[in-house]
N, C-alpha and C. Protein backbone atom coordinates (compact mmCIF):
# COMPACT_ATOMS: atom_id res chain seq x y z
N MET A 1 -26.56 1.06 16.04
CA MET A 1 -25.38 1.73 15.55
C MET A 1 -24.34 1.74 16.66
N THR A 2 -23.13 1.33 16.31
CA THR A 2 -22.07 1.31 17.31
C THR A 2 -21.49 2.72 17.48
N ALA A 3 -20.70 2.89 18.53
CA ALA A 3 -20.10 4.19 18.80
C ALA A 3 -19.14 4.59 17.68
N ARG A 4 -18.43 3.60 17.14
CA ARG A 4 -17.50 3.90 16.04
C ARG A 4 -18.26 4.37 14.81
N GLU A 5 -19.35 3.71 14.48
CA GLU A 5 -20.14 4.10 13.32
C GLU A 5 -20.75 5.48 13.51
N GLN A 6 -21.07 5.81 14.74
CA GLN A 6 -21.68 7.10 15.03
C GLN A 6 -20.69 8.24 14.78
N PHE A 7 -19.43 8.03 15.16
CA PHE A 7 -18.44 9.09 15.00
C PHE A 7 -17.69 9.01 13.69
N MET A 8 -17.64 7.84 13.07
CA MET A 8 -16.91 7.66 11.81
C MET A 8 -17.79 6.91 10.81
N PRO A 9 -18.87 7.49 10.33
CA PRO A 9 -19.76 6.75 9.44
C PRO A 9 -19.11 6.40 8.11
N ALA A 10 -18.14 7.16 7.66
CA ALA A 10 -17.51 6.88 6.37
C ALA A 10 -16.36 5.88 6.49
N ALA A 11 -16.09 5.37 7.68
CA ALA A 11 -14.96 4.48 7.88
C ALA A 11 -15.23 3.07 7.40
N ARG A 12 -16.47 2.74 7.16
CA ARG A 12 -16.79 1.38 6.70
C ARG A 12 -16.40 1.24 5.24
N ILE A 13 -15.57 0.26 4.95
CA ILE A 13 -15.11 0.01 3.59
C ILE A 13 -15.78 -1.25 3.09
N THR A 14 -16.41 -1.16 1.94
CA THR A 14 -17.05 -2.31 1.34
C THR A 14 -16.42 -2.57 -0.02
N ALA A 15 -16.58 -3.77 -0.52
CA ALA A 15 -16.06 -4.11 -1.84
C ALA A 15 -16.72 -3.25 -2.91
N GLN A 16 -18.00 -3.00 -2.77
CA GLN A 16 -18.70 -2.17 -3.73
C GLN A 16 -18.15 -0.74 -3.71
N GLY A 17 -17.84 -0.22 -2.54
CA GLY A 17 -17.27 1.12 -2.44
C GLY A 17 -15.89 1.19 -3.05
N LEU A 18 -15.08 0.14 -2.87
CA LEU A 18 -13.75 0.12 -3.46
C LEU A 18 -13.83 0.07 -4.98
N LEU A 19 -14.75 -0.73 -5.51
CA LEU A 19 -14.92 -0.79 -6.96
C LEU A 19 -15.39 0.55 -7.52
N LEU A 20 -16.29 1.19 -6.82
CA LEU A 20 -16.78 2.49 -7.26
C LEU A 20 -15.66 3.52 -7.24
N ALA A 21 -14.84 3.50 -6.22
CA ALA A 21 -13.71 4.43 -6.14
C ALA A 21 -12.69 4.15 -7.24
N ALA A 22 -12.46 2.88 -7.55
CA ALA A 22 -11.50 2.52 -8.59
C ALA A 22 -11.97 2.96 -9.97
N THR A 23 -13.26 2.88 -10.22
CA THR A 23 -13.76 3.29 -11.53
C THR A 23 -13.78 4.80 -11.68
N ALA A 24 -13.73 5.53 -10.58
CA ALA A 24 -13.75 6.99 -10.65
C ALA A 24 -12.36 7.55 -10.95
N LEU A 25 -11.32 6.75 -10.80
CA LEU A 25 -9.96 7.21 -11.03
C LEU A 25 -9.58 7.12 -12.50
N ASP A 26 -8.70 8.00 -12.93
CA ASP A 26 -8.19 7.90 -14.29
C ASP A 26 -7.15 6.78 -14.35
N PRO A 27 -6.77 6.34 -15.53
CA PRO A 27 -5.86 5.18 -15.65
C PRO A 27 -4.51 5.37 -14.95
N LEU A 28 -3.95 6.57 -14.98
CA LEU A 28 -2.66 6.78 -14.32
C LEU A 28 -2.80 6.64 -12.80
N ALA A 29 -3.87 7.15 -12.24
CA ALA A 29 -4.10 7.02 -10.80
C ALA A 29 -4.33 5.56 -10.43
N ARG A 30 -5.04 4.82 -11.27
CA ARG A 30 -5.24 3.38 -11.01
C ARG A 30 -3.90 2.66 -10.98
N LEU A 31 -3.02 3.00 -11.93
CA LEU A 31 -1.71 2.37 -11.98
C LEU A 31 -0.90 2.69 -10.72
N CYS A 32 -0.96 3.92 -10.28
CA CYS A 32 -0.24 4.32 -9.05
C CYS A 32 -0.77 3.57 -7.83
N VAL A 33 -2.07 3.45 -7.73
CA VAL A 33 -2.67 2.72 -6.60
C VAL A 33 -2.27 1.25 -6.67
N LEU A 34 -2.31 0.67 -7.86
CA LEU A 34 -1.94 -0.74 -8.01
C LEU A 34 -0.48 -0.96 -7.62
N LEU A 35 0.41 -0.08 -8.07
CA LEU A 35 1.83 -0.21 -7.72
C LEU A 35 2.04 -0.08 -6.22
N PHE A 36 1.36 0.87 -5.59
CA PHE A 36 1.48 1.03 -4.14
C PHE A 36 1.01 -0.23 -3.41
N VAL A 37 -0.13 -0.78 -3.82
CA VAL A 37 -0.66 -1.98 -3.15
C VAL A 37 0.29 -3.16 -3.34
N LEU A 38 0.84 -3.32 -4.55
CA LEU A 38 1.77 -4.43 -4.78
C LEU A 38 3.05 -4.28 -3.96
N ILE A 39 3.59 -3.06 -3.88
CA ILE A 39 4.79 -2.84 -3.08
C ILE A 39 4.47 -3.04 -1.60
N TYR A 40 3.32 -2.56 -1.17
CA TYR A 40 2.93 -2.71 0.24
C TYR A 40 2.78 -4.18 0.60
N LEU A 41 2.06 -4.93 -0.22
CA LEU A 41 1.84 -6.34 0.09
C LEU A 41 3.08 -7.20 -0.12
N GLY A 42 3.87 -6.86 -1.13
CA GLY A 42 5.00 -7.71 -1.47
C GLY A 42 6.29 -7.38 -0.76
N VAL A 43 6.45 -6.14 -0.26
CA VAL A 43 7.72 -5.74 0.33
C VAL A 43 7.56 -5.28 1.77
N ILE A 44 6.67 -4.35 2.00
CA ILE A 44 6.57 -3.74 3.34
C ILE A 44 6.02 -4.72 4.37
N LEU A 45 4.93 -5.41 4.06
CA LEU A 45 4.39 -6.35 5.05
C LEU A 45 5.34 -7.48 5.38
N PRO A 46 6.01 -8.11 4.41
CA PRO A 46 6.99 -9.15 4.79
C PRO A 46 8.15 -8.60 5.63
N THR A 47 8.50 -7.34 5.42
CA THR A 47 9.56 -6.75 6.22
C THR A 47 9.17 -6.70 7.69
N VAL A 48 7.91 -6.44 7.94
CA VAL A 48 7.43 -6.26 9.31
C VAL A 48 6.96 -7.56 9.94
N TRP A 49 6.22 -8.38 9.19
CA TRP A 49 5.50 -9.49 9.81
C TRP A 49 6.09 -10.87 9.63
N SER A 50 7.07 -11.03 8.81
CA SER A 50 7.59 -12.38 8.56
C SER A 50 8.33 -12.92 9.78
N ARG A 51 8.19 -14.20 10.01
CA ARG A 51 8.91 -14.84 11.11
C ARG A 51 10.30 -15.29 10.66
N SER A 52 10.46 -15.42 9.36
CA SER A 52 11.74 -15.88 8.82
C SER A 52 12.72 -14.72 8.72
N PRO A 53 13.87 -14.83 9.37
CA PRO A 53 14.86 -13.75 9.29
C PRO A 53 15.36 -13.52 7.86
N ASP A 54 15.49 -14.60 7.09
CA ASP A 54 15.94 -14.45 5.71
C ASP A 54 14.95 -13.65 4.88
N ARG A 55 13.68 -13.95 5.04
CA ARG A 55 12.64 -13.23 4.29
C ARG A 55 12.58 -11.77 4.72
N ARG A 56 12.69 -11.52 6.02
CA ARG A 56 12.69 -10.14 6.50
C ARG A 56 13.87 -9.35 5.95
N SER A 57 15.05 -9.95 5.98
CA SER A 57 16.23 -9.23 5.49
C SER A 57 16.16 -9.01 3.98
N ALA A 58 15.64 -9.98 3.23
CA ALA A 58 15.49 -9.80 1.78
C ALA A 58 14.48 -8.70 1.47
N ALA A 59 13.38 -8.67 2.20
CA ALA A 59 12.37 -7.64 1.99
C ALA A 59 12.92 -6.27 2.37
N LEU A 60 13.73 -6.22 3.43
CA LEU A 60 14.33 -4.95 3.86
C LEU A 60 15.32 -4.44 2.81
N ARG A 61 16.12 -5.34 2.23
CA ARG A 61 17.05 -4.92 1.16
C ARG A 61 16.28 -4.39 -0.04
N THR A 62 15.19 -5.05 -0.40
CA THR A 62 14.37 -4.59 -1.52
C THR A 62 13.77 -3.23 -1.21
N LEU A 63 13.28 -3.04 -0.01
CA LEU A 63 12.71 -1.76 0.40
C LEU A 63 13.76 -0.66 0.37
N GLU A 64 14.97 -0.96 0.84
CA GLU A 64 16.05 0.03 0.79
C GLU A 64 16.43 0.37 -0.65
N THR A 65 16.42 -0.61 -1.54
CA THR A 65 16.71 -0.36 -2.95
C THR A 65 15.65 0.54 -3.57
N LEU A 66 14.38 0.24 -3.29
CA LEU A 66 13.30 1.08 -3.82
C LEU A 66 13.38 2.50 -3.27
N ALA A 67 13.68 2.63 -1.99
CA ALA A 67 13.79 3.96 -1.39
C ALA A 67 14.97 4.72 -1.99
N GLY A 68 16.07 4.03 -2.26
CA GLY A 68 17.23 4.67 -2.89
C GLY A 68 16.90 5.15 -4.29
N MET A 69 16.13 4.37 -5.03
CA MET A 69 15.73 4.77 -6.38
C MET A 69 14.83 6.01 -6.31
N LEU A 70 13.95 6.06 -5.35
CA LEU A 70 13.08 7.22 -5.20
C LEU A 70 13.87 8.47 -4.83
N ARG A 71 14.87 8.29 -3.95
CA ARG A 71 15.70 9.44 -3.56
C ARG A 71 16.49 9.98 -4.74
N LYS A 72 17.04 9.09 -5.57
CA LYS A 72 17.80 9.52 -6.74
C LYS A 72 16.92 10.23 -7.74
N SER A 73 15.71 9.72 -7.96
CA SER A 73 14.81 10.37 -8.93
C SER A 73 14.29 11.70 -8.41
N GLY A 74 14.24 11.87 -7.10
CA GLY A 74 13.80 13.12 -6.52
C GLY A 74 14.83 14.24 -6.65
N ARG A 75 16.09 13.89 -6.77
CA ARG A 75 17.16 14.88 -6.88
C ARG A 75 17.24 15.47 -8.27
N GLN A 76 16.79 14.74 -9.27
CA GLN A 76 16.93 15.21 -10.65
C GLN A 76 15.91 16.23 -11.02
């Protein structure tokens, strides 16, 4: 057992554990998780990790648009 496993035994993520967690969620929670993952993979990661300035700026504009929509819906 490594030191990390000793202090954080629940930190190991397996595919079986993810499937089990996904089946325990209700449909609305699954949809929220799916939307978060898609936005994270499609917008946030390209904003940070892309080498192309055009791709970074496009992802940043999309992220700003999404954040603006969230701010507007929060005010209502």
